[in-house]
Amino acid sequence: DRNPTDAHGGFDFQADLLRTHIRTYGEVDDLAGILVWNLRDFGVAPSFNGGSVAEEVSDIDLIPGLNEKGLHTYTGKPKPAARVVRDEFAALAASGAP
Protein backbone atom coordinates (compact mmCIF):
# COMPACT_ATOMS: atom_id res chain seq x y z
CA ASP A 1 0.00 0.00 0.00
CA ARG A 2 3.06 2.30 -0.20
CA ASN A 3 2.88 2.47 -4.01
CA PRO A 4 0.04 3.73 -6.21
CA THR A 5 -2.32 0.79 -6.57
CA ASP A 6 -2.13 0.65 -10.37
CA ALA A 7 1.65 1.16 -10.61
CA HIS A 8 4.53 -1.30 -10.17
CA GLY A 9 4.46 -2.44 -6.55
CA GLY A 10 0.76 -1.63 -6.20
CA PHE A 11 -1.95 -4.10 -5.25
CA ASP A 12 -4.08 -3.64 -8.39
CA PHE A 13 -1.00 -3.87 -10.61
CA GLN A 14 -0.14 -7.23 -9.04
CA ALA A 15 -3.72 -8.50 -9.36
CA ASP A 16 -4.00 -7.40 -13.01
CA LEU A 17 -0.63 -8.94 -13.87
CA LEU A 18 -1.61 -12.30 -12.39
CA ARG A 19 -5.05 -12.19 -14.05
CA THR A 20 -3.42 -11.55 -17.43
CA HIS A 21 -0.88 -14.35 -16.98
CA ILE A 22 -3.43 -16.92 -15.77
CA ARG A 23 -5.83 -16.16 -18.63
CA THR A 24 -3.01 -16.29 -21.15
CA TYR A 25 -1.64 -19.57 -19.82
CA GLY A 26 -5.18 -20.97 -19.74
CA GLU A 27 -5.34 -20.55 -23.53
CA VAL A 28 -2.17 -22.56 -24.19
CA ASP A 29 -3.25 -25.99 -25.43
CA ASP A 30 -0.17 -27.98 -24.42
CA LEU A 31 0.21 -26.45 -20.95
CA ALA A 32 -0.46 -28.95 -18.17
CA GLY A 33 -0.82 -26.52 -15.27
CA ILE A 34 -0.18 -23.13 -13.73
CA LEU A 35 1.70 -22.37 -10.54
CA VAL A 36 1.62 -19.16 -8.53
CA TRP A 37 4.95 -19.42 -6.79
CA ASN A 38 4.90 -16.82 -4.06
CA LEU A 39 1.90 -17.28 -1.79
CA ARG A 40 3.17 -15.01 0.98
CA ASP A 41 5.69 -12.19 1.29
CA PHE A 42 8.91 -13.38 2.94
CA GLY A 43 12.15 -12.14 4.36
CA VAL A 44 15.35 -12.34 2.34
CA ALA A 45 18.88 -11.02 2.84
CA PRO A 46 18.83 -7.57 4.44
CA SER A 47 20.80 -6.29 1.45
CA PHE A 48 18.00 -7.25 -0.98
CA ASN A 49 16.30 -4.13 -2.30
CA GLY A 50 13.94 -5.40 -4.98
CA GLY A 51 16.33 -6.74 -7.56
CA SER A 52 15.64 -5.88 -11.20
CA VAL A 53 12.36 -4.05 -10.54
CA ALA A 54 14.23 -1.45 -8.48
CA GLU A 55 16.56 -0.93 -11.44
CA GLU A 56 13.69 -0.56 -13.92
CA VAL A 57 11.17 1.40 -11.79
CA SER A 58 13.07 4.20 -10.10
CA ASP A 59 10.20 5.49 -7.95
CA ILE A 60 8.97 2.15 -6.54
CA ASP A 61 8.82 2.06 -2.73
CA LEU A 62 10.19 -1.25 -1.39
CA ILE A 63 11.20 -2.55 2.02
CA PRO A 64 14.82 -3.77 2.00
CA GLY A 65 15.08 -7.42 2.99
CA LEU A 66 11.48 -8.31 2.09
CA ASN A 67 10.14 -9.99 -1.04
CA GLU A 68 6.64 -8.50 -1.38
CA LYS A 69 5.37 -10.41 -4.41
CA GLY A 70 3.18 -12.79 -2.43
CA LEU A 71 -0.60 -13.17 -2.53
CA HIS A 72 -0.59 -12.43 1.20
CA THR A 73 1.41 -9.89 3.18
CA TYR A 74 4.24 -10.92 5.47
CA THR A 75 1.73 -10.89 8.35
CA GLY A 76 -0.72 -13.08 6.43
CA LYS A 77 -3.29 -10.52 5.24
CA PRO A 78 -4.66 -11.39 1.77
CA LYS A 79 -3.91 -8.93 -0.99
CA PRO A 80 -6.41 -8.31 -3.84
CA ALA A 81 -4.36 -10.69 -5.99
CA ALA A 82 -5.34 -13.61 -3.71
CA ARG A 83 -9.00 -13.21 -4.70
CA VAL A 84 -8.10 -12.74 -8.36
CA VAL A 85 -6.02 -15.93 -8.42
CA ARG A 86 -8.77 -17.89 -6.67
CA ASP A 87 -11.42 -16.62 -9.08
CA GLU A 88 -9.29 -17.17 -12.19
CA PHE A 89 -8.39 -20.72 -11.17
CA ALA A 90 -12.08 -21.42 -10.44
CA ALA A 91 -13.00 -20.10 -13.89
CA LEU A 92 -10.41 -22.36 -15.50
CA ALA A 93 -11.73 -25.35 -13.58
CA ALA A 94 -15.32 -24.55 -14.59
CA SER A 95 -14.26 -24.32 -18.23
CA GLY A 96 -12.84 -27.83 -18.11
CA ALA A 97 -9.25 -26.68 -18.54
CA PRO A 98 -6.68 -29.12 -17.15
PDB file of N, CA and C in Angstrom:
ATOM      1  N   ASP A   1       0.817  -1.206   0.000  1.00  0.00           N
ATOM      2  CA  ASP A   1       0.000   0.000   0.000  1.00  0.00           C
ATOM      3  C   ASP A   1       0.861   1.270   0.000  1.00  0.00           C
ATOM      4  N   ARG A   2       2.177   1.131  -0.141  1.00  0.00           N
ATOM      5  CA  ARG A   2       3.062   2.298  -0.196  1.00  0.00           C
ATOM      6  C   ARG A   2       3.182   2.851  -1.615  1.00  0.00           C
ATOM      7  N   ASN A   3       2.793   2.062  -2.607  1.00  0.00           N
ATOM      8  CA  ASN A   3       2.883   2.468  -4.007  1.00  0.00           C
ATOM      9  C   ASN A   3       1.480   2.711  -4.558  1.00  0.00           C
ATOM     10  N   PRO A   4       1.359   3.569  -5.589  1.00  0.00           N
ATOM     11  CA  PRO A   4       0.043   3.732  -6.209  1.00  0.00           C
ATOM     12  C   PRO A   4      -0.505   2.374  -6.638  1.00  0.00           C
ATOM     13  N   THR A   5      -1.773   2.134  -6.401  1.00  0.00           N
ATOM     14  CA  THR A   5      -2.325   0.794  -6.574  1.00  0.00           C
ATOM     15  C   THR A   5      -2.206   0.246  -7.993  1.00  0.00           C
ATOM     16  N   ASP A   6      -2.200   1.135  -8.995  1.00  0.00           N
ATOM     17  CA  ASP A   6      -2.134   0.654 -10.372  1.00  0.00           C
ATOM     18  C   ASP A   6      -0.728   0.747 -10.976  1.00  0.00           C
ATOM     19  N   ALA A   7       0.265   1.061 -10.147  1.00  0.00           N
ATOM     20  CA  ALA A   7       1.652   1.158 -10.609  1.00  0.00           C
ATOM     21  C   ALA A   7       2.456  -0.043 -10.099  1.00  0.00           C
ATOM     22  N   HIS A   8       3.647  -0.232 -10.657  1.00  0.00           N
ATOM     23  CA  HIS A   8       4.530  -1.296 -10.172  1.00  0.00           C
ATOM     24  C   HIS A   8       4.608  -1.242  -8.651  1.00  0.00           C
ATOM     25  N   GLY A   9       4.427  -2.382  -8.005  1.00  0.00           N
ATOM     26  CA  GLY A   9       4.465  -2.439  -6.549  1.00  0.00           C
ATOM     27  C   GLY A   9       3.100  -2.228  -5.920  1.00  0.00           C
ATOM     28  N   GLY A  10       2.097  -1.863  -6.719  1.00  0.00           N
ATOM     29  CA  GLY A  10       0.757  -1.632  -6.202  1.00  0.00           C
ATOM     30  C   GLY A  10      -0.100  -2.888  -6.230  1.00  0.00           C
ATOM     31  N   PHE A  11      -1.098  -2.920  -5.369  1.00  0.00           N
ATOM     32  CA  PHE A  11      -1.954  -4.104  -5.247  1.00  0.00           C
ATOM     33  C   PHE A  11      -2.732  -4.401  -6.528  1.00  0.00           C
ATOM     34  N   ASP A  12      -3.318  -3.390  -7.160  1.00  0.00           N
ATOM     35  CA  ASP A  12      -4.079  -3.640  -8.394  1.00  0.00           C
ATOM     36  C   ASP A  12      -3.162  -4.047  -9.537  1.00  0.00           C
ATOM     37  N   PHE A  13      -1.964  -3.477  -9.585  1.00  0.00           N
ATOM     38  CA  PHE A  13      -1.004  -3.870 -10.609  1.00  0.00           C
ATOM     39  C   PHE A  13      -0.694  -5.356 -10.499  1.00  0.00           C
ATOM     40  N   GLN A  14      -0.442  -5.822  -9.274  1.00  0.00           N
ATOM     41  CA  GLN A  14      -0.140  -7.229  -9.042  1.00  0.00           C
ATOM     42  C   GLN A  14      -1.322  -8.108  -9.449  1.00  0.00           C
ATOM     43  N   ALA A  15      -2.523  -7.720  -9.044  1.00  0.00           N
ATOM     44  CA  ALA A  15      -3.717  -8.502  -9.359  1.00  0.00           C
ATOM     45  C   ALA A  15      -3.938  -8.567 -10.873  1.00  0.00           C
ATOM     46  N   ASP A  16      -3.813  -7.437 -11.557  1.00  0.00           N
ATOM     47  CA  ASP A  16      -4.002  -7.403 -13.009  1.00  0.00           C
ATOM     48  C   ASP A  16      -2.944  -8.229 -13.731  1.00  0.00           C
ATOM     49  N   LEU A  17      -1.713  -8.164 -13.254  1.00  0.00           N
ATOM     50  CA  LEU A  17      -0.634  -8.936 -13.869  1.00  0.00           C
ATOM     51  C   LEU A  17      -0.902 -10.436 -13.751  1.00  0.00           C
ATOM     52  N   LEU A  18      -1.310 -10.877 -12.576  1.00  0.00           N
ATOM     53  CA  LEU A  18      -1.608 -12.298 -12.393  1.00  0.00           C
ATOM     54  C   LEU A  18      -2.830 -12.719 -13.197  1.00  0.00           C
ATOM     55  N   ARG A  19      -3.861 -11.883 -13.240  1.00  0.00           N
ATOM     56  CA  ARG A  19      -5.053 -12.185 -14.046  1.00  0.00           C
ATOM     57  C   ARG A  19      -4.654 -12.383 -15.513  1.00  0.00           C
ATOM     58  N   THR A  20      -3.861 -11.468 -16.029  1.00  0.00           N
ATOM     59  CA  THR A  20      -3.420 -11.554 -17.427  1.00  0.00           C
ATOM     60  C   THR A  20      -2.633 -12.828 -17.680  1.00  0.00           C
ATOM     61  N   HIS A  21      -1.707 -13.152 -16.792  1.00  0.00           N
ATOM     62  CA  HIS A  21      -0.884 -14.352 -16.980  1.00  0.00           C
ATOM     63  C   HIS A  21      -1.736 -15.617 -16.895  1.00  0.00           C
ATOM     64  N   ILE A  22      -2.610 -15.714 -15.919  1.00  0.00           N
ATOM     65  CA  ILE A  22      -3.430 -16.919 -15.765  1.00  0.00           C
ATOM     66  C   ILE A  22      -4.336 -17.108 -16.979  1.00  0.00           C
ATOM     67  N   ARG A  23      -4.959 -16.042 -17.444  1.00  0.00           N
ATOM     68  CA  ARG A  23      -5.827 -16.156 -18.627  1.00  0.00           C
ATOM     69  C   ARG A  23      -5.028 -16.530 -19.861  1.00  0.00           C
ATOM     70  N   THR A  24      -3.843 -15.960 -20.004  1.00  0.00           N
ATOM     71  CA  THR A  24      -3.007 -16.288 -21.154  1.00  0.00           C
ATOM     72  C   THR A  24      -2.572 -17.746 -21.107  1.00  0.00           C
ATOM     73  N   TYR A  25      -2.076 -18.180 -19.953  1.00  0.00           N
ATOM     74  CA  TYR A  25      -1.642 -19.574 -19.824  1.00  0.00           C
ATOM     75  C   TYR A  25      -2.815 -20.530 -20.012  1.00  0.00           C
ATOM     76  N   GLY A  26      -3.996 -20.131 -19.588  1.00  0.00           N
ATOM     77  CA  GLY A  26      -5.181 -20.969 -19.745  1.00  0.00           C
ATOM     78  C   GLY A  26      -5.557 -21.215 -21.198  1.00  0.00           C
ATOM     79  N   GLU A  27      -5.057 -20.393 -22.098  1.00  0.00           N
ATOM     80  CA  GLU A  27      -5.338 -20.547 -23.532  1.00  0.00           C
ATOM     81  C   GLU A  27      -4.281 -21.378 -24.255  1.00  0.00           C
ATOM     82  N   VAL A  28      -3.240 -21.774 -23.570  1.00  0.00           N
ATOM     83  CA  VAL A  28      -2.172 -22.556 -24.192  1.00  0.00           C
ATOM     84  C   VAL A  28      -2.557 -24.035 -24.160  1.00  0.00           C
ATOM     85  N   ASP A  29      -2.749 -24.622 -25.339  1.00  0.00           N
ATOM     86  CA  ASP A  29      -3.249 -25.994 -25.435  1.00  0.00           C
ATOM     87  C   ASP A  29      -2.366 -27.037 -24.766  1.00  0.00           C
ATOM     88  N   ASP A  30      -1.065 -26.935 -24.921  1.00  0.00           N
ATOM     89  CA  ASP A  30      -0.165 -27.978 -24.424  1.00  0.00           C
ATOM     90  C   ASP A  30       0.328 -27.736 -23.008  1.00  0.00           C
ATOM     91  N   LEU A  31      -0.227 -26.761 -22.314  1.00  0.00           N
ATOM     92  CA  LEU A  31       0.207 -26.451 -20.954  1.00  0.00           C
ATOM     93  C   LEU A  31      -0.561 -27.322 -19.958  1.00  0.00           C
ATOM     94  N   ALA A  32       0.165 -28.009 -19.089  1.00  0.00           N
ATOM     95  CA  ALA A  32      -0.459 -28.952 -18.166  1.00  0.00           C
ATOM     96  C   ALA A  32      -0.899 -28.320 -16.848  1.00  0.00           C
ATOM     97  N   GLY A  33      -0.436 -27.126 -16.533  1.00  0.00           N
ATOM     98  CA  GLY A  33      -0.818 -26.519 -15.268  1.00  0.00           C
ATOM     99  C   GLY A  33      -0.218 -25.137 -15.099  1.00  0.00           C
ATOM    100  N   ILE A  34      -0.651 -24.472 -14.045  1.00  0.00           N
ATOM    101  CA  ILE A  34      -0.181 -23.125 -13.727  1.00  0.00           C
ATOM    102  C   ILE A  34       0.160 -23.100 -12.243  1.00  0.00           C
ATOM    103  N   LEU A  35       1.272 -22.474 -11.924  1.00  0.00           N
ATOM    104  CA  LEU A  35       1.700 -22.375 -10.537  1.00  0.00           C
ATOM    105  C   LEU A  35       1.922 -20.914 -10.174  1.00  0.00           C
ATOM    106  N   VAL A  36       1.304 -20.470  -9.095  1.00  0.00           N
ATOM    107  CA  VAL A  36       1.620 -19.160  -8.532  1.00  0.00           C
ATOM    108  C   VAL A  36       2.617 -19.440  -7.422  1.00  0.00           C
ATOM    109  N   TRP A  37       3.849 -18.999  -7.636  1.00  0.00           N
ATOM    110  CA  TRP A  37       4.953 -19.422  -6.794  1.00  0.00           C
ATOM    111  C   TRP A  37       4.921 -18.798  -5.414  1.00  0.00           C
ATOM    112  N   ASN A  38       4.700 -17.516  -5.331  1.00  0.00           N
ATOM    113  CA  ASN A  38       4.899 -16.821  -4.064  1.00  0.00           C
ATOM    114  C   ASN A  38       3.555 -16.565  -3.381  1.00  0.00           C
ATOM    115  N   LEU A  39       3.184 -17.425  -2.458  1.00  0.00           N
ATOM    116  CA  LEU A  39       1.899 -17.284  -1.793  1.00  0.00           C
ATOM    117  C   LEU A  39       1.909 -16.220  -0.700  1.00  0.00           C
ATOM    118  N   ARG A  40       3.077 -15.968  -0.124  1.00  0.00           N
ATOM    119  CA  ARG A  40       3.166 -15.007   0.979  1.00  0.00           C
ATOM    120  C   ARG A  40       4.491 -14.255   0.905  1.00  0.00           C
ATOM    121  N   ASP A  41       4.457 -12.967   1.223  1.00  0.00           N
ATOM    122  CA  ASP A  41       5.692 -12.189   1.288  1.00  0.00           C
ATOM    123  C   ASP A  41       6.642 -12.856   2.286  1.00  0.00           C
ATOM    124  N   PHE A  42       7.948 -12.737   2.041  1.00  0.00           N
ATOM    125  CA  PHE A  42       8.907 -13.383   2.936  1.00  0.00           C
ATOM    126  C   PHE A  42      10.198 -12.598   3.026  1.00  0.00           C
ATOM    127  N   GLY A  43      10.884 -12.802   4.134  1.00  0.00           N
ATOM    128  CA  GLY A  43      12.154 -12.136   4.365  1.00  0.00           C
ATOM    129  C   GLY A  43      13.261 -12.758   3.536  1.00  0.00           C
ATOM    130  N   VAL A  44      14.155 -11.913   3.086  1.00  0.00           N
ATOM    131  CA  VAL A  44      15.345 -12.336   2.344  1.00  0.00           C
ATOM    132  C   VAL A  44      16.545 -11.612   2.960  1.00  0.00           C
ATOM    133  N   ALA A  45      17.688 -11.691   2.323  1.00  0.00           N
ATOM    134  CA  ALA A  45      18.880 -11.018   2.841  1.00  0.00           C
ATOM    135  C   ALA A  45      18.599  -9.540   3.062  1.00  0.00           C
ATOM    136  N   PRO A  46      19.060  -8.994   4.163  1.00  0.00           N
ATOM    137  CA  PRO A  46      18.830  -7.570   4.442  1.00  0.00           C
ATOM    138  C   PRO A  46      19.329  -6.642   3.333  1.00  0.00           C
ATOM    139  N   SER A  47      20.265  -7.108   2.541  1.00  0.00           N
ATOM    140  CA  SER A  47      20.803  -6.292   1.454  1.00  0.00           C
ATOM    141  C   SER A  47      19.900  -6.287   0.215  1.00  0.00           C
ATOM    142  N   PHE A  48      18.906  -7.184   0.170  1.00  0.00           N
ATOM    143  CA  PHE A  48      17.997  -7.249  -0.982  1.00  0.00           C
ATOM    144  C   PHE A  48      17.126  -6.002  -1.018  1.00  0.00           C
ATOM    145  N   ASN A  49      17.107  -5.341  -2.170  1.00  0.00           N
ATOM    146  CA  ASN A  49      16.301  -4.132  -2.300  1.00  0.00           C
ATOM    147  C   ASN A  49      15.453  -4.161  -3.567  1.00  0.00           C
ATOM    148  N   GLY A  50      14.866  -5.314  -3.866  1.00  0.00           N
ATOM    149  CA  GLY A  50      13.936  -5.397  -4.978  1.00  0.00           C
ATOM    150  C   GLY A  50      14.468  -6.012  -6.241  1.00  0.00           C
ATOM    151  N   GLY A  51      15.767  -6.142  -6.361  1.00  0.00           N
ATOM    152  CA  GLY A  51      16.330  -6.743  -7.561  1.00  0.00           C
ATOM    153  C   GLY A  51      16.087  -5.901  -8.804  1.00  0.00           C
ATOM    154  N   SER A  52      15.746  -6.566  -9.916  1.00  0.00           N
ATOM    155  CA  SER A  52      15.643  -5.882 -11.202  1.00  0.00           C
ATOM    156  C   SER A  52      14.529  -4.842 -11.240  1.00  0.00           C
ATOM    157  N   VAL A  53      13.447  -5.048 -10.491  1.00  0.00           N
ATOM    158  CA  VAL A  53      12.364  -4.053 -10.543  1.00  0.00           C
ATOM    159  C   VAL A  53      12.838  -2.709 -10.010  1.00  0.00           C
ATOM    160  N   ALA A  54      13.702  -2.704  -9.028  1.00  0.00           N
ATOM    161  CA  ALA A  54      14.229  -1.453  -8.482  1.00  0.00           C
ATOM    162  C   ALA A  54      15.112  -0.734  -9.505  1.00  0.00           C
ATOM    163  N   GLU A  55      15.736  -1.520 -10.384  1.00  0.00           N
ATOM    164  CA  GLU A  55      16.557  -0.928 -11.436  1.00  0.00           C
ATOM    165  C   GLU A  55      15.690  -0.334 -12.546  1.00  0.00           C
ATOM    166  N   GLU A  56      14.555  -0.972 -12.823  1.00  0.00           N
ATOM    167  CA  GLU A  56      13.686  -0.559 -13.922  1.00  0.00           C
ATOM    168  C   GLU A  56      12.651   0.492 -13.520  1.00  0.00           C
ATOM    169  N   VAL A  57      12.222   0.482 -12.263  1.00  0.00           N
ATOM    170  CA  VAL A  57      11.173   1.397 -11.793  1.00  0.00           C
ATOM    171  C   VAL A  57      11.777   2.248 -10.675  1.00  0.00           C
ATOM    172  N   SER A  58      12.275   3.394 -11.036  1.00  0.00           N
ATOM    173  CA  SER A  58      13.066   4.197 -10.097  1.00  0.00           C
ATOM    174  C   SER A  58      12.271   4.721  -8.904  1.00  0.00           C
ATOM    175  N   ASP A  59      10.969   4.901  -9.048  1.00  0.00           N
ATOM    176  CA  ASP A  59      10.198   5.485  -7.948  1.00  0.00           C
ATOM    177  C   ASP A  59       9.402   4.462  -7.130  1.00  0.00           C
ATOM    178  N   ILE A  60       9.678   3.178  -7.306  1.00  0.00           N
ATOM    179  CA  ILE A  60       8.971   2.150  -6.536  1.00  0.00           C
ATOM    180  C   ILE A  60       9.443   2.188  -5.076  1.00  0.00           C
ATOM    181  N   ASP A  61       8.510   2.017  -4.166  1.00  0.00           N
ATOM    182  CA  ASP A  61       8.821   2.056  -2.733  1.00  0.00           C
ATOM    183  C   ASP A  61       8.835   0.623  -2.201  1.00  0.00           C
ATOM    184  N   LEU A  62      10.004   0.127  -1.861  1.00  0.00           N
ATOM    185  CA  LEU A  62      10.186  -1.252  -1.393  1.00  0.00           C
ATOM    186  C   LEU A  62      10.780  -1.258   0.010  1.00  0.00           C
ATOM    187  N   ILE A  63      10.596  -2.366   0.707  1.00  0.00           N
ATOM    188  CA  ILE A  63      11.198  -2.550   2.023  1.00  0.00           C
ATOM    189  C   ILE A  63      12.426  -3.447   1.850  1.00  0.00           C
ATOM    190  N   PRO A  64      13.617  -2.936   2.128  1.00  0.00           N
ATOM    191  CA  PRO A  64      14.815  -3.771   2.003  1.00  0.00           C
ATOM    192  C   PRO A  64      14.679  -5.047   2.848  1.00  0.00           C
ATOM    193  N   GLY A  65      15.112  -6.156   2.264  1.00  0.00           N
ATOM    194  CA  GLY A  65      15.084  -7.418   2.992  1.00  0.00           C
ATOM    195  C   GLY A  65      13.739  -8.129   2.975  1.00  0.00           C
ATOM    196  N   LEU A  66      12.796  -7.672   2.139  1.00  0.00           N
ATOM    197  CA  LEU A  66      11.479  -8.311   2.090  1.00  0.00           C
ATOM    198  C   LEU A  66      11.046  -8.480   0.642  1.00  0.00           C
ATOM    199  N   ASN A  67      10.732  -9.708   0.263  1.00  0.00           N
ATOM    200  CA  ASN A  67      10.142  -9.985  -1.036  1.00  0.00           C
ATOM    201  C   ASN A  67       8.642  -9.807  -0.866  1.00  0.00           C
ATOM    202  N   GLU A  68       8.052  -8.847  -1.559  1.00  0.00           N
ATOM    203  CA  GLU A  68       6.644  -8.501  -1.375  1.00  0.00           C
ATOM    204  C   GLU A  68       5.767  -8.905  -2.552  1.00  0.00           C
ATOM    205  N   LYS A  69       6.135  -9.971  -3.242  1.00  0.00           N
ATOM    206  CA  LYS A  69       5.374 -10.406  -4.410  1.00  0.00           C
ATOM    207  C   LYS A  69       4.345 -11.484  -4.094  1.00  0.00           C
ATOM    208  N   GLY A  70       4.104 -11.739  -2.825  1.00  0.00           N
ATOM    209  CA  GLY A  70       3.176 -12.792  -2.428  1.00  0.00           C
ATOM    210  C   GLY A  70       1.721 -12.396  -2.578  1.00  0.00           C
ATOM    211  N   LEU A  71       0.846 -13.409  -2.508  1.00  0.00           N
ATOM    212  CA  LEU A  71      -0.596 -13.173  -2.528  1.00  0.00           C
ATOM    213  C   LEU A  71      -1.096 -12.684  -1.175  1.00  0.00           C
ATOM    214  N   HIS A  72      -0.280 -12.893  -0.160  1.00  0.00           N
ATOM    215  CA  HIS A  72      -0.588 -12.429   1.200  1.00  0.00           C
ATOM    216  C   HIS A  72       0.603 -11.628   1.715  1.00  0.00           C
ATOM    217  N   THR A  73       0.336 -10.683   2.588  1.00  0.00           N
ATOM    218  CA  THR A  73       1.408  -9.893   3.185  1.00  0.00           C
ATOM    219  C   THR A  73       2.270 -10.767   4.090  1.00  0.00           C
ATOM    220  N   TYR A  74       3.351 -10.211   4.551  1.00  0.00           N
ATOM    221  CA  TYR A  74       4.238 -10.923   5.474  1.00  0.00           C
ATOM    222  C   TYR A  74       3.487 -11.353   6.736  1.00  0.00           C
ATOM    223  N   THR A  75       2.515 -10.565   7.153  1.00  0.00           N
ATOM    224  CA  THR A  75       1.727 -10.890   8.355  1.00  0.00           C
ATOM    225  C   THR A  75       0.518 -11.765   8.052  1.00  0.00           C
ATOM    226  N   GLY A  76       0.332 -12.135   6.791  1.00  0.00           N
ATOM    227  CA  GLY A  76      -0.720 -13.077   6.427  1.00  0.00           C
ATOM    228  C   GLY A  76      -2.001 -12.480   5.886  1.00  0.00           C
ATOM    229  N   LYS A  77      -2.081 -11.161   5.756  1.00  0.00           N
ATOM    230  CA  LYS A  77      -3.295 -10.518   5.241  1.00  0.00           C
ATOM    231  C   LYS A  77      -3.387 -10.720   3.727  1.00  0.00           C
ATOM    232  N   PRO A  78      -4.528 -11.211   3.221  1.00  0.00           N
ATOM    233  CA  PRO A  78      -4.657 -11.394   1.766  1.00  0.00           C
ATOM    234  C   PRO A  78      -4.610 -10.058   1.026  1.00  0.00           C
ATOM    235  N   LYS A  79      -3.933 -10.077  -0.097  1.00  0.00           N
ATOM    236  CA  LYS A  79      -3.910  -8.932  -0.995  1.00  0.00           C
ATOM    237  C   LYS A  79      -5.007  -9.147  -2.044  1.00  0.00           C
ATOM    238  N   PRO A  80      -5.397  -8.125  -2.798  1.00  0.00           N
ATOM    239  CA  PRO A  80      -6.408  -8.308  -3.836  1.00  0.00           C
ATOM    240  C   PRO A  80      -6.051  -9.423  -4.824  1.00  0.00           C
ATOM    241  N   ALA A  81      -4.783  -9.642  -5.055  1.00  0.00           N
ATOM    242  CA  ALA A  81      -4.359 -10.692  -5.985  1.00  0.00           C
ATOM    243  C   ALA A  81      -4.777 -12.081  -5.515  1.00  0.00           C
ATOM    244  N   ALA A  82      -4.924 -12.296  -4.215  1.00  0.00           N
ATOM    245  CA  ALA A  82      -5.339 -13.612  -3.712  1.00  0.00           C
ATOM    246  C   ALA A  82      -6.735 -13.954  -4.223  1.00  0.00           C
ATOM    247  N   ARG A  83      -7.642 -12.992  -4.194  1.00  0.00           N
ATOM    248  CA  ARG A  83      -9.004 -13.212  -4.699  1.00  0.00           C
ATOM    249  C   ARG A  83      -8.986 -13.425  -6.209  1.00  0.00           C
ATOM    250  N   VAL A  84      -8.193 -12.626  -6.909  1.00  0.00           N
ATOM    251  CA  VAL A  84      -8.100 -12.745  -8.364  1.00  0.00           C
ATOM    252  C   VAL A  84      -7.609 -14.130  -8.759  1.00  0.00           C
ATOM    253  N   VAL A  85      -6.560 -14.607  -8.101  1.00  0.00           N
ATOM    254  CA  VAL A  85      -6.016 -15.932  -8.418  1.00  0.00           C
ATOM    255  C   VAL A  85      -7.057 -17.011  -8.129  1.00  0.00           C
ATOM    256  N   ARG A  86      -7.721 -16.916  -6.993  1.00  0.00           N
ATOM    257  CA  ARG A  86      -8.775 -17.887  -6.667  1.00  0.00           C
ATOM    258  C   ARG A  86      -9.861 -17.885  -7.737  1.00  0.00           C
ATOM    259  N   ASP A  87     -10.337 -16.719  -8.103  1.00  0.00           N
ATOM    260  CA  ASP A  87     -11.417 -16.616  -9.083  1.00  0.00           C
ATOM    261  C   ASP A  87     -10.989 -17.092 -10.468  1.00  0.00           C
ATOM    262  N   GLU A  88      -9.779 -16.753 -10.872  1.00  0.00           N
ATOM    263  CA  GLU A  88      -9.291 -17.172 -12.187  1.00  0.00           C
ATOM    264  C   GLU A  88      -9.076 -18.682 -12.253  1.00  0.00           C
ATOM    265  N   PHE A  89      -8.548 -19.271 -11.182  1.00  0.00           N
ATOM    266  CA  PHE A  89      -8.386 -20.724 -11.171  1.00  0.00           C
ATOM    267  C   PHE A  89      -9.747 -21.412 -11.162  1.00  0.00           C
ATOM    268  N   ALA A  90     -10.712 -20.853 -10.452  1.00  0.00           N
ATOM    269  CA  ALA A  90     -12.077 -21.417 -10.437  1.00  0.00           C
ATOM    270  C   ALA A  90     -12.694 -21.346 -11.839  1.00  0.00           C
ATOM    271  N   ALA A  91     -12.476 -20.241 -12.533  1.00  0.00           N
ATOM    272  CA  ALA A  91     -13.004 -20.103 -13.892  1.00  0.00           C
ATOM    273  C   ALA A  91     -12.370 -21.115 -14.836  1.00  0.00           C
ATOM    274  N   LEU A  92     -11.071 -21.340 -14.686  1.00  0.00           N
ATOM    275  CA  LEU A  92     -10.407 -22.356 -15.504  1.00  0.00           C
ATOM    276  C   LEU A  92     -10.977 -23.739 -15.223  1.00  0.00           C
ATOM    277  N   ALA A  93     -11.173 -24.043 -13.945  1.00  0.00           N
ATOM    278  CA  ALA A  93     -11.727 -25.350 -13.581  1.00  0.00           C
ATOM    279  C   ALA A  93     -13.135 -25.518 -14.151  1.00  0.00           C
ATOM    280  N   ALA A  94     -13.944 -24.484 -14.079  1.00  0.00           N
ATOM    281  CA  ALA A  94     -15.324 -24.546 -14.588  1.00  0.00           C
ATOM    282  C   ALA A  94     -15.350 -24.707 -16.100  1.00  0.00           C
ATOM    283  N   SER A  95     -14.310 -24.216 -16.774  1.00  0.00           N
ATOM    284  CA  SER A  95     -14.262 -24.315 -18.235  1.00  0.00           C
ATOM    285  C   SER A  95     -13.792 -25.694 -18.694  1.00  0.00           C
ATOM    286  N   GLY A  96     -13.338 -26.511 -17.755  1.00  0.00           N
ATOM    287  CA  GLY A  96     -12.840 -27.833 -18.107  1.00  0.00           C
ATOM    288  C   GLY A  96     -11.367 -27.847 -18.459  1.00  0.00           C
ATOM    289  N   ALA A  97     -10.686 -26.731 -18.265  1.00  0.00           N
ATOM    290  CA  ALA A  97      -9.247 -26.679 -18.541  1.00  0.00           C
ATOM    291  C   ALA A  97      -8.511 -27.600 -17.566  1.00  0.00           C
ATOM    292  N   PRO A  98      -7.431 -28.219 -18.032  1.00  0.00           N
ATOM    293  CA  PRO A  98      -6.678 -29.117 -17.147  1.00  0.00           C
ATOM    294  C   PRO A  98      -6.018 -28.392 -15.997  1.00  0.00           C
TER     295      PRO A  98
END
